[in-house]
Every structure is written in C-alpha cells, then in structure tokens.
mmCIF file of all heavy atoms, coordinates in Angstrom:
data_MODEL
# 
_entry.id   MODEL 
# 
loop_
_atom_site.group_PDB 
_atom_site.id 
_atom_site.type_symbol 
_atom_site.label_atom_id 
_atom_site.label_alt_id 
_atom_site.label_comp_id 
_atom_site.label_asym_id 
_atom_site.label_entity_id 
_atom_site.label_seq_id 
_atom_site.pdbx_PDB_ins_code 
_atom_site.Cartn_x 
_atom_site.Cartn_y 
_atom_site.Cartn_z 
_atom_site.occupancy 
_atom_site.B_iso_or_equiv 
_atom_site.pdbx_formal_charge 
_atom_site.auth_seq_id 
_atom_site.auth_comp_id 
_atom_site.auth_asym_id 
_atom_site.auth_atom_id 
_atom_site.pdbx_PDB_model_num 
ATOM 1   N N   . ARG A 1 1  ? 0.820  -1.193  0.027  1.00 0.00 ? 1  ARG A N   1 
ATOM 2   C CA  . ARG A 1 1  ? 0.014  0.018   0.036  1.00 0.00 ? 1  ARG A CA  1 
ATOM 3   C C   . ARG A 1 1  ? 0.812  1.240   0.018  1.00 0.00 ? 1  ARG A C   1 
ATOM 4   O O   . ARG A 1 1  ? 0.324  2.334   -0.204 1.00 0.00 ? 1  ARG A O   1 
ATOM 5   C CB  . ARG A 1 1  ? -0.940 0.012   1.238  1.00 0.00 ? 1  ARG A CB  1 
ATOM 6   C CG  . ARG A 1 1  ? -1.890 -1.139  1.182  1.00 0.00 ? 1  ARG A CG  1 
ATOM 7   C CD  . ARG A 1 1  ? -2.851 -1.151  2.354  1.00 0.00 ? 1  ARG A CD  1 
ATOM 8   N NE  . ARG A 1 1  ? -2.414 -0.449  3.559  1.00 0.00 ? 1  ARG A NE  1 
ATOM 9   C CZ  . ARG A 1 1  ? -3.143 -0.370  4.661  1.00 0.00 ? 1  ARG A CZ  1 
ATOM 10  N NH1 . ARG A 1 1  ? -4.346 -0.898  4.690  1.00 0.00 ? 1  ARG A NH1 1 
ATOM 11  N NH2 . ARG A 1 1  ? -2.643 0.216   5.753  1.00 0.00 ? 1  ARG A NH2 1 
ATOM 12  N N   . GLY A 1 2  ? 2.160  1.116   0.268  1.00 0.00 ? 2  GLY A N   1 
ATOM 13  C CA  . GLY A 1 2  ? 3.084  2.344   0.272  1.00 0.00 ? 2  GLY A CA  1 
ATOM 14  C C   . GLY A 1 2  ? 2.971  3.196   1.478  1.00 0.00 ? 2  GLY A C   1 
ATOM 15  O O   . GLY A 1 2  ? 3.477  4.339   1.456  1.00 0.00 ? 2  GLY A O   1 
ATOM 16  N N   . ASP A 1 3  ? 2.291  2.758   2.553  1.00 0.00 ? 3  ASP A N   1 
ATOM 17  C CA  . ASP A 1 3  ? 2.173  3.613   3.726  1.00 0.00 ? 3  ASP A CA  1 
ATOM 18  C C   . ASP A 1 3  ? 2.862  3.073   4.928  1.00 0.00 ? 3  ASP A C   1 
ATOM 19  O O   . ASP A 1 3  ? 2.795  3.713   6.023  1.00 0.00 ? 3  ASP A O   1 
ATOM 20  C CB  . ASP A 1 3  ? 0.672  3.817   4.042  1.00 0.00 ? 3  ASP A CB  1 
ATOM 21  C CG  . ASP A 1 3  ? -0.062 2.522   4.342  1.00 0.00 ? 3  ASP A CG  1 
ATOM 22  O OD1 . ASP A 1 3  ? 0.542  1.395   4.396  1.00 0.00 ? 3  ASP A OD1 1 
ATOM 23  O OD2 . ASP A 1 3  ? -1.298 2.623   4.569  1.00 0.00 ? 3  ASP A OD2 1 
ATOM 24  N N   . GLY A 1 4  ? 3.567  1.964   4.830  1.00 0.00 ? 4  GLY A N   1 
ATOM 25  C CA  . GLY A 1 4  ? 4.284  1.393   5.965  1.00 0.00 ? 4  GLY A CA  1 
ATOM 26  C C   . GLY A 1 4  ? 3.451  0.661   7.004  1.00 0.00 ? 4  GLY A C   1 
ATOM 27  O O   . GLY A 1 4  ? 3.949  0.372   8.048  1.00 0.00 ? 4  GLY A O   1 
ATOM 28  N N   . LEU A 1 5  ? 2.180  0.478   6.690  1.00 0.00 ? 5  LEU A N   1 
ATOM 29  C CA  . LEU A 1 5  ? 1.214  -0.144  7.682  1.00 0.00 ? 5  LEU A CA  1 
ATOM 30  C C   . LEU A 1 5  ? 0.703  -1.452  7.080  1.00 0.00 ? 5  LEU A C   1 
ATOM 31  O O   . LEU A 1 5  ? 0.573  -1.630  5.850  1.00 0.00 ? 5  LEU A O   1 
ATOM 32  C CB  . LEU A 1 5  ? 0.098  0.753   7.897  1.00 0.00 ? 5  LEU A CB  1 
ATOM 33  C CG  . LEU A 1 5  ? 0.466  2.186   8.464  1.00 0.00 ? 5  LEU A CG  1 
ATOM 34  C CD1 . LEU A 1 5  ? -0.776 3.006   8.581  1.00 0.00 ? 5  LEU A CD1 1 
ATOM 35  C CD2 . LEU A 1 5  ? 1.195  2.029   9.771  1.00 0.00 ? 5  LEU A CD2 1 
ATOM 36  N N   . ASP A 1 6  ? 0.352  -2.382  8.032  1.00 0.00 ? 6  ASP A N   1 
ATOM 37  C CA  . ASP A 1 6  ? -0.224 -3.641  7.546  1.00 0.00 ? 6  ASP A CA  1 
ATOM 38  C C   . ASP A 1 6  ? -1.749 -3.514  7.406  1.00 0.00 ? 6  ASP A C   1 
ATOM 39  O O   . ASP A 1 6  ? -2.292 -2.373  7.567  1.00 0.00 ? 6  ASP A O   1 
ATOM 40  C CB  . ASP A 1 6  ? 0.095  -4.773  8.511  1.00 0.00 ? 6  ASP A CB  1 
ATOM 41  C CG  . ASP A 1 6  ? -0.464 -4.628  9.953  1.00 0.00 ? 6  ASP A CG  1 
ATOM 42  O OD1 . ASP A 1 6  ? -1.406 -3.759  10.090 1.00 0.00 ? 6  ASP A OD1 1 
ATOM 43  O OD2 . ASP A 1 6  ? -0.033 -5.306  10.834 1.00 0.00 ? 6  ASP A OD2 1 
ATOM 44  N N   . ALA A 1 7  ? -2.424 -4.556  7.096  1.00 0.00 ? 7  ALA A N   1 
ATOM 45  C CA  . ALA A 1 7  ? -3.914 -4.485  6.820  1.00 0.00 ? 7  ALA A CA  1 
ATOM 46  C C   . ALA A 1 7  ? -4.694 -3.939  7.969  1.00 0.00 ? 7  ALA A C   1 
ATOM 47  O O   . ALA A 1 7  ? -5.780 -3.318  7.915  1.00 0.00 ? 7  ALA A O   1 
ATOM 48  C CB  . ALA A 1 7  ? -4.421 -5.821  6.461  1.00 0.00 ? 7  ALA A CB  1 
ATOM 49  N N   . GLU A 1 8  ? -4.144 -4.165  9.209  1.00 0.00 ? 8  GLU A N   1 
ATOM 50  C CA  . GLU A 1 8  ? -4.882 -3.653  10.467 1.00 0.00 ? 8  GLU A CA  1 
ATOM 51  C C   . GLU A 1 8  ? -4.492 -2.204  10.829 1.00 0.00 ? 8  GLU A C   1 
ATOM 52  O O   . GLU A 1 8  ? -4.860 -1.711  11.859 1.00 0.00 ? 8  GLU A O   1 
ATOM 53  C CB  . GLU A 1 8  ? -4.578 -4.608  11.651 1.00 0.00 ? 8  GLU A CB  1 
ATOM 54  C CG  . GLU A 1 8  ? -5.305 -5.926  11.562 1.00 0.00 ? 8  GLU A CG  1 
ATOM 55  C CD  . GLU A 1 8  ? -4.519 -6.899  10.599 1.00 0.00 ? 8  GLU A CD  1 
ATOM 56  O OE1 . GLU A 1 8  ? -3.345 -6.912  10.626 1.00 0.00 ? 8  GLU A OE1 1 
ATOM 57  O OE2 . GLU A 1 8  ? -5.299 -7.590  9.842  1.00 0.00 ? 8  GLU A OE2 1 
ATOM 58  N N   . GLY A 1 9  ? -3.492 -1.606  10.102 1.00 0.00 ? 9  GLY A N   1 
ATOM 59  C CA  . GLY A 1 9  ? -3.142 -0.250  10.384 1.00 0.00 ? 9  GLY A CA  1 
ATOM 60  C C   . GLY A 1 9  ? -1.903 -0.197  11.361 1.00 0.00 ? 9  GLY A C   1 
ATOM 61  O O   . GLY A 1 9  ? -1.408 0.897   11.735 1.00 0.00 ? 9  GLY A O   1 
ATOM 62  N N   . ALA A 1 10 ? -1.311 -1.315  11.693 1.00 0.00 ? 10 ALA A N   1 
ATOM 63  C CA  . ALA A 1 10 ? -0.078 -1.331  12.573 1.00 0.00 ? 10 ALA A CA  1 
ATOM 64  C C   . ALA A 1 10 ? 1.122  -1.231  11.663 1.00 0.00 ? 10 ALA A C   1 
ATOM 65  O O   . ALA A 1 10 ? 1.157  -1.647  10.523 1.00 0.00 ? 10 ALA A O   1 
ATOM 66  C CB  . ALA A 1 10 ? -0.114 -2.623  13.368 1.00 0.00 ? 10 ALA A CB  1 
ATOM 67  N N   . PRO A 1 11 ? 2.244  -0.734  12.221 1.00 0.00 ? 11 PRO A N   1 
ATOM 68  C CA  . PRO A 1 11 ? 3.438  -0.632  11.466 1.00 0.00 ? 11 PRO A CA  1 
ATOM 69  C C   . PRO A 1 11 ? 3.922  -2.019  10.989 1.00 0.00 ? 11 PRO A C   1 
ATOM 70  O O   . PRO A 1 11 ? 3.781  -3.012  11.709 1.00 0.00 ? 11 PRO A O   1 
ATOM 71  C CB  . PRO A 1 11 ? 4.463  -0.074  12.468 1.00 0.00 ? 11 PRO A CB  1 
ATOM 72  C CG  . PRO A 1 11 ? 3.659  0.625   13.489 1.00 0.00 ? 11 PRO A CG  1 
ATOM 73  C CD  . PRO A 1 11 ? 2.382  -0.141  13.592 1.00 0.00 ? 11 PRO A CD  1 
ATOM 74  N N   . LEU A 1 12 ? 4.420  -2.064  9.737  1.00 0.00 ? 12 LEU A N   1 
ATOM 75  C CA  . LEU A 1 12 ? 4.941  -3.318  9.239  1.00 0.00 ? 12 LEU A CA  1 
ATOM 76  C C   . LEU A 1 12 ? 6.083  -3.855  10.039 1.00 0.00 ? 12 LEU A C   1 
ATOM 77  O O   . LEU A 1 12 ? 6.970  -3.066  10.514 1.00 0.00 ? 12 LEU A O   1 
ATOM 78  C CB  . LEU A 1 12 ? 5.448  -3.187  7.851  1.00 0.00 ? 12 LEU A CB  1 
ATOM 79  C CG  . LEU A 1 12 ? 4.379  -2.993  6.755  1.00 0.00 ? 12 LEU A CG  1 
ATOM 80  C CD1 . LEU A 1 12 ? 4.972  -2.601  5.401  1.00 0.00 ? 12 LEU A CD1 1 
ATOM 81  C CD2 . LEU A 1 12 ? 3.528  -4.242  6.580  1.00 0.00 ? 12 LEU A CD2 1 
ATOM 82  N N   . GLN A 1 13 ? 6.136  -5.117  10.276 1.00 0.00 ? 13 GLN A N   1 
ATOM 83  C CA  . GLN A 1 13 ? 7.185  -5.797  10.996 1.00 0.00 ? 13 GLN A CA  1 
ATOM 84  C C   . GLN A 1 13 ? 8.003  -6.645  10.076 1.00 0.00 ? 13 GLN A C   1 
ATOM 85  O O   . GLN A 1 13 ? 7.495  -7.121  9.074  1.00 0.00 ? 13 GLN A O   1 
ATOM 86  C CB  . GLN A 1 13 ? 6.622  -6.654  12.121 1.00 0.00 ? 13 GLN A CB  1 
ATOM 87  C CG  . GLN A 1 13 ? 5.816  -5.918  13.166 1.00 0.00 ? 13 GLN A CG  1 
ATOM 88  C CD  . GLN A 1 13 ? 6.690  -4.909  13.973 1.00 0.00 ? 13 GLN A CD  1 
ATOM 89  O OE1 . GLN A 1 13 ? 7.804  -5.220  14.359 1.00 0.00 ? 13 GLN A OE1 1 
ATOM 90  N NE2 . GLN A 1 13 ? 6.191  -3.667  14.031 1.00 0.00 ? 13 GLN A NE2 1 
ATOM 91  N N   . PRO A 1 14 ? 9.284  -6.855  10.324 1.00 0.00 ? 14 PRO A N   1 
ATOM 92  C CA  . PRO A 1 14 ? 10.087 -7.656  9.413  1.00 0.00 ? 14 PRO A CA  1 
ATOM 93  C C   . PRO A 1 14 ? 9.506  -9.083  9.340  1.00 0.00 ? 14 PRO A C   1 
ATOM 94  O O   . PRO A 1 14 ? 9.062  -9.640  10.321 1.00 0.00 ? 14 PRO A O   1 
ATOM 95  C CB  . PRO A 1 14 ? 11.514 -7.737  10.130 1.00 0.00 ? 14 PRO A CB  1 
ATOM 96  C CG  . PRO A 1 14 ? 11.518 -6.572  11.083 1.00 0.00 ? 14 PRO A CG  1 
ATOM 97  C CD  . PRO A 1 14 ? 10.092 -6.349  11.426 1.00 0.00 ? 14 PRO A CD  1 
ATOM 98  N N   . PRO A 1 15 ? 9.494  -9.668  8.146  1.00 0.00 ? 15 PRO A N   1 
ATOM 99  C CA  . PRO A 1 15 ? 8.997  -11.051 8.017  1.00 0.00 ? 15 PRO A CA  1 
ATOM 100 C C   . PRO A 1 15 ? 9.909  -11.993 8.744  1.00 0.00 ? 15 PRO A C   1 
ATOM 101 O O   . PRO A 1 15 ? 11.134 -11.847 8.754  1.00 0.00 ? 15 PRO A O   1 
ATOM 102 C CB  . PRO A 1 15 ? 8.963  -11.263 6.500  1.00 0.00 ? 15 PRO A CB  1 
ATOM 103 C CG  . PRO A 1 15 ? 9.888  -10.271 5.920  1.00 0.00 ? 15 PRO A CG  1 
ATOM 104 C CD  . PRO A 1 15 ? 9.917  -9.079  6.900  1.00 0.00 ? 15 PRO A CD  1 
ATOM 105 N N   . MET A 1 16 ? 9.308  -12.933 9.352  1.00 0.00 ? 16 MET A N   1 
ATOM 106 C CA  . MET A 1 16 ? 10.099 -13.988 10.034 1.00 0.00 ? 16 MET A CA  1 
ATOM 107 C C   . MET A 1 16 ? 10.024 -15.268 9.348  1.00 0.00 ? 16 MET A C   1 
ATOM 108 O O   . MET A 1 16 ? 9.003  -15.567 8.664  1.00 0.00 ? 16 MET A O   1 
ATOM 109 C CB  . MET A 1 16 ? 9.580  -14.095 11.543 1.00 0.00 ? 16 MET A CB  1 
ATOM 110 C CG  . MET A 1 16 ? 9.612  -12.836 12.346 1.00 0.00 ? 16 MET A CG  1 
ATOM 111 S SD  . MET A 1 16 ? 11.194 -12.059 12.406 1.00 0.00 ? 16 MET A SD  1 
ATOM 112 C CE  . MET A 1 16 ? 11.875 -12.936 13.741 1.00 0.00 ? 16 MET A CE  1 
ATOM 113 N N   . GLY A 1 17 ? 10.970 -16.155 9.556  1.00 0.00 ? 17 GLY A N   1 
ATOM 114 C CA  . GLY A 1 17 ? 10.942 -17.465 8.900  1.00 0.00 ? 17 GLY A CA  1 
ATOM 115 C C   . GLY A 1 17 ? 12.292 -17.840 8.389  1.00 0.00 ? 17 GLY A C   1 
ATOM 116 O O   . GLY A 1 17 ? 13.264 -17.119 8.480  1.00 0.00 ? 17 GLY A O   1 
ATOM 117 N N   . GLU A 1 18 ? 12.331 -19.090 7.846  1.00 0.00 ? 18 GLU A N   1 
ATOM 118 C CA  . GLU A 1 18 ? 13.579 -19.561 7.299  1.00 0.00 ? 18 GLU A CA  1 
ATOM 119 C C   . GLU A 1 18 ? 13.829 -18.955 5.875  1.00 0.00 ? 18 GLU A C   1 
ATOM 120 O O   . GLU A 1 18 ? 12.869 -18.787 5.131  1.00 0.00 ? 18 GLU A O   1 
ATOM 121 C CB  . GLU A 1 18 ? 13.506 -21.081 7.238  1.00 0.00 ? 18 GLU A CB  1 
ATOM 122 C CG  . GLU A 1 18 ? 13.450 -21.737 8.587  1.00 0.00 ? 18 GLU A CG  1 
ATOM 123 C CD  . GLU A 1 18 ? 13.381 -23.263 8.489  1.00 0.00 ? 18 GLU A CD  1 
ATOM 124 O OE1 . GLU A 1 18 ? 13.132 -23.800 7.380  1.00 0.00 ? 18 GLU A OE1 1 
ATOM 125 O OE2 . GLU A 1 18 ? 13.507 -23.928 9.522  1.00 0.00 ? 18 GLU A OE2 1 
ATOM 126 N N   . GLN A 1 19 ? 15.025 -18.754 5.648  1.00 0.00 ? 19 GLN A N   1 
ATOM 127 C CA  . GLN A 1 19 ? 15.437 -18.269 4.304  1.00 0.00 ? 19 GLN A CA  1 
ATOM 128 C C   . GLN A 1 19 ? 16.156 -19.366 3.575  1.00 0.00 ? 19 GLN A C   1 
ATOM 129 O O   . GLN A 1 19 ? 17.124 -19.865 4.103  1.00 0.00 ? 19 GLN A O   1 
ATOM 130 C CB  . GLN A 1 19 ? 16.267 -16.994 4.434  1.00 0.00 ? 19 GLN A CB  1 
ATOM 131 C CG  . GLN A 1 19 ? 16.660 -16.450 3.103  1.00 0.00 ? 19 GLN A CG  1 
ATOM 132 C CD  . GLN A 1 19 ? 17.454 -15.175 3.252  1.00 0.00 ? 19 GLN A CD  1 
ATOM 133 O OE1 . GLN A 1 19 ? 17.886 -14.839 4.310  1.00 0.00 ? 19 GLN A OE1 1 
ATOM 134 N NE2 . GLN A 1 19 ? 17.730 -14.505 2.116  1.00 0.00 ? 19 GLN A NE2 1 
ATOM 135 N N   . ARG A 1 20 ? 15.756 -19.687 2.425  1.00 0.00 ? 20 ARG A N   1 
ATOM 136 C CA  . ARG A 1 20 ? 16.434 -20.733 1.637  1.00 0.00 ? 20 ARG A CA  1 
ATOM 137 C C   . ARG A 1 20 ? 17.321 -20.044 0.598  1.00 0.00 ? 20 ARG A C   1 
ATOM 138 O O   . ARG A 1 20 ? 16.884 -19.159 -0.138 1.00 0.00 ? 20 ARG A O   1 
ATOM 139 C CB  . ARG A 1 20 ? 15.419 -21.695 0.909  1.00 0.00 ? 20 ARG A CB  1 
ATOM 140 C CG  . ARG A 1 20 ? 14.567 -22.379 1.948  1.00 0.00 ? 20 ARG A CG  1 
ATOM 141 C CD  . ARG A 1 20 ? 13.676 -23.396 1.208  1.00 0.00 ? 20 ARG A CD  1 
ATOM 142 N NE  . ARG A 1 20 ? 12.885 -24.041 2.247  1.00 0.00 ? 20 ARG A NE  1 
ATOM 143 C CZ  . ARG A 1 20 ? 13.193 -25.187 2.915  1.00 0.00 ? 20 ARG A CZ  1 
ATOM 144 N NH1 . ARG A 1 20 ? 14.461 -25.681 2.694  1.00 0.00 ? 20 ARG A NH1 1 
ATOM 145 N NH2 . ARG A 1 20 ? 12.430 -25.717 3.742  1.00 0.00 ? 20 ARG A NH2 1 
ATOM 146 N N   . ILE A 1 21 ? 18.581 -20.471 0.605  1.00 0.00 ? 21 ILE A N   1 
ATOM 147 C CA  . ILE A 1 21 ? 19.522 -19.878 -0.293 1.00 0.00 ? 21 ILE A CA  1 
ATOM 148 C C   . ILE A 1 21 ? 20.080 -20.940 -1.313 1.00 0.00 ? 21 ILE A C   1 
ATOM 149 O O   . ILE A 1 21 ? 20.600 -21.996 -0.833 1.00 0.00 ? 21 ILE A O   1 
ATOM 150 C CB  . ILE A 1 21 ? 20.741 -19.283 0.511  1.00 0.00 ? 21 ILE A CB  1 
ATOM 151 C CG1 . ILE A 1 21 ? 20.227 -18.197 1.445  1.00 0.00 ? 21 ILE A CG1 1 
ATOM 152 C CG2 . ILE A 1 21 ? 21.782 -18.697 -0.406 1.00 0.00 ? 21 ILE A CG2 1 
ATOM 153 C CD1 . ILE A 1 21 ? 21.250 -17.748 2.459  1.00 0.00 ? 21 ILE A CD1 1 
ATOM 154 N N   . ARG A 1 22 ? 19.934 -20.634 -2.557 1.00 0.00 ? 22 ARG A N   1 
ATOM 155 C CA  . ARG A 1 22 ? 20.411 -21.601 -3.611 1.00 0.00 ? 22 ARG A CA  1 
ATOM 156 C C   . ARG A 1 22 ? 21.866 -21.202 -3.890 1.00 0.00 ? 22 ARG A C   1 
ATOM 157 O O   . ARG A 1 22 ? 22.216 -20.054 -4.219 1.00 0.00 ? 22 ARG A O   1 
ATOM 158 C CB  . ARG A 1 22 ? 19.563 -21.419 -4.862 1.00 0.00 ? 22 ARG A CB  1 
ATOM 159 C CG  . ARG A 1 22 ? 19.989 -22.454 -5.973 1.00 0.00 ? 22 ARG A CG  1 
ATOM 160 C CD  . ARG A 1 22 ? 19.084 -22.459 -7.121 1.00 0.00 ? 22 ARG A CD  1 
ATOM 161 N NE  . ARG A 1 22 ? 17.717 -22.778 -6.772 1.00 0.00 ? 22 ARG A NE  1 
ATOM 162 C CZ  . ARG A 1 22 ? 17.261 -24.032 -6.579 1.00 0.00 ? 22 ARG A CZ  1 
ATOM 163 N NH1 . ARG A 1 22 ? 18.045 -25.031 -6.659 1.00 0.00 ? 22 ARG A NH1 1 
ATOM 164 N NH2 . ARG A 1 22 ? 15.945 -24.239 -6.315 1.00 0.00 ? 22 ARG A NH2 1 
ATOM 165 N N   . HIS A 1 23 ? 22.715 -22.226 -3.712 1.00 0.00 ? 23 HIS A N   1 
ATOM 166 C CA  . HIS A 1 23 ? 24.205 -21.979 -3.995 1.00 0.00 ? 23 HIS A CA  1 
ATOM 167 C C   . HIS A 1 23 ? 24.507 -22.265 -5.473 1.00 0.00 ? 23 HIS A C   1 
ATOM 168 O O   . HIS A 1 23 ? 23.600 -22.768 -6.181 1.00 0.00 ? 23 HIS A O   1 
ATOM 169 C CB  . HIS A 1 23 ? 24.934 -22.924 -3.071 1.00 0.00 ? 23 HIS A CB  1 
ATOM 170 C CG  . HIS A 1 23 ? 24.930 -22.632 -1.668 1.00 0.00 ? 23 HIS A CG  1 
ATOM 171 N ND1 . HIS A 1 23 ? 25.879 -22.030 -1.004 1.00 0.00 ? 23 HIS A ND1 1 
ATOM 172 C CD2 . HIS A 1 23 ? 23.788 -22.778 -0.743 1.00 0.00 ? 23 HIS A CD2 1 
ATOM 173 C CE1 . HIS A 1 23 ? 25.511 -21.871 0.324  1.00 0.00 ? 23 HIS A CE1 1 
ATOM 174 N NE2 . HIS A 1 23 ? 24.278 -22.298 0.429  1.00 0.00 ? 23 HIS A NE2 1 
ATOM 175 N N   . ARG A 1 24 ? 25.672 -21.872 -5.844 1.00 0.00 ? 24 ARG A N   1 
ATOM 176 C CA  . ARG A 1 24 ? 26.043 -21.998 -7.253 1.00 0.00 ? 24 ARG A CA  1 
ATOM 177 C C   . ARG A 1 24 ? 25.931 -23.500 -7.758 1.00 0.00 ? 24 ARG A C   1 
ATOM 178 O O   . ARG A 1 24 ? 25.684 -23.869 -8.852 1.00 0.00 ? 24 ARG A O   1 
ATOM 179 C CB  . ARG A 1 24 ? 27.484 -21.596 -7.440 1.00 0.00 ? 24 ARG A CB  1 
ATOM 180 C CG  . ARG A 1 24 ? 27.634 -20.113 -7.493 1.00 0.00 ? 24 ARG A CG  1 
ATOM 181 C CD  . ARG A 1 24 ? 29.051 -19.717 -7.845 1.00 0.00 ? 24 ARG A CD  1 
ATOM 182 N NE  . ARG A 1 24 ? 29.368 -18.518 -7.047 1.00 0.00 ? 24 ARG A NE  1 
ATOM 183 C CZ  . ARG A 1 24 ? 30.539 -18.172 -6.683 1.00 0.00 ? 24 ARG A CZ  1 
ATOM 184 N NH1 . ARG A 1 24 ? 31.587 -18.927 -6.938 1.00 0.00 ? 24 ARG A NH1 1 
ATOM 185 N NH2 . ARG A 1 24 ? 30.744 -17.097 -6.021 1.00 0.00 ? 24 ARG A NH2 1 
ATOM 186 N N   . SER A 1 25 ? 26.179 -24.413 -6.775 1.00 0.00 ? 25 SER A N   1 
ATOM 187 C CA  . SER A 1 25 ? 26.161 -25.818 -7.087 1.00 0.00 ? 25 SER A CA  1 
ATOM 188 C C   . SER A 1 25 ? 24.678 -26.278 -7.341 1.00 0.00 ? 25 SER A C   1 
ATOM 189 O O   . SER A 1 25 ? 24.456 -27.441 -7.813 1.00 0.00 ? 25 SER A O   1 
ATOM 190 C CB  . SER A 1 25 ? 26.699 -26.656 -5.960 1.00 0.00 ? 25 SER A CB  1 
ATOM 191 O OG  . SER A 1 25 ? 25.960 -26.487 -4.851 1.00 0.00 ? 25 SER A OG  1 
# 
C-alpha cells in the first residue's frame, strides 16, 4: 500500500521465517 502499515493499520514488522539460499552448485 506504500504507507508502511499492515492491513490492520499497525506498522509493518520484518517477516520472520527460514530463508532458503540456492548455492552455485
């Protein structure tokens, strides 16, 4: 939405979770 807020009007928080990284191999 470009306003820094989530659907409930609260400030966006960093997403949490595992990050998968594809290596060159």
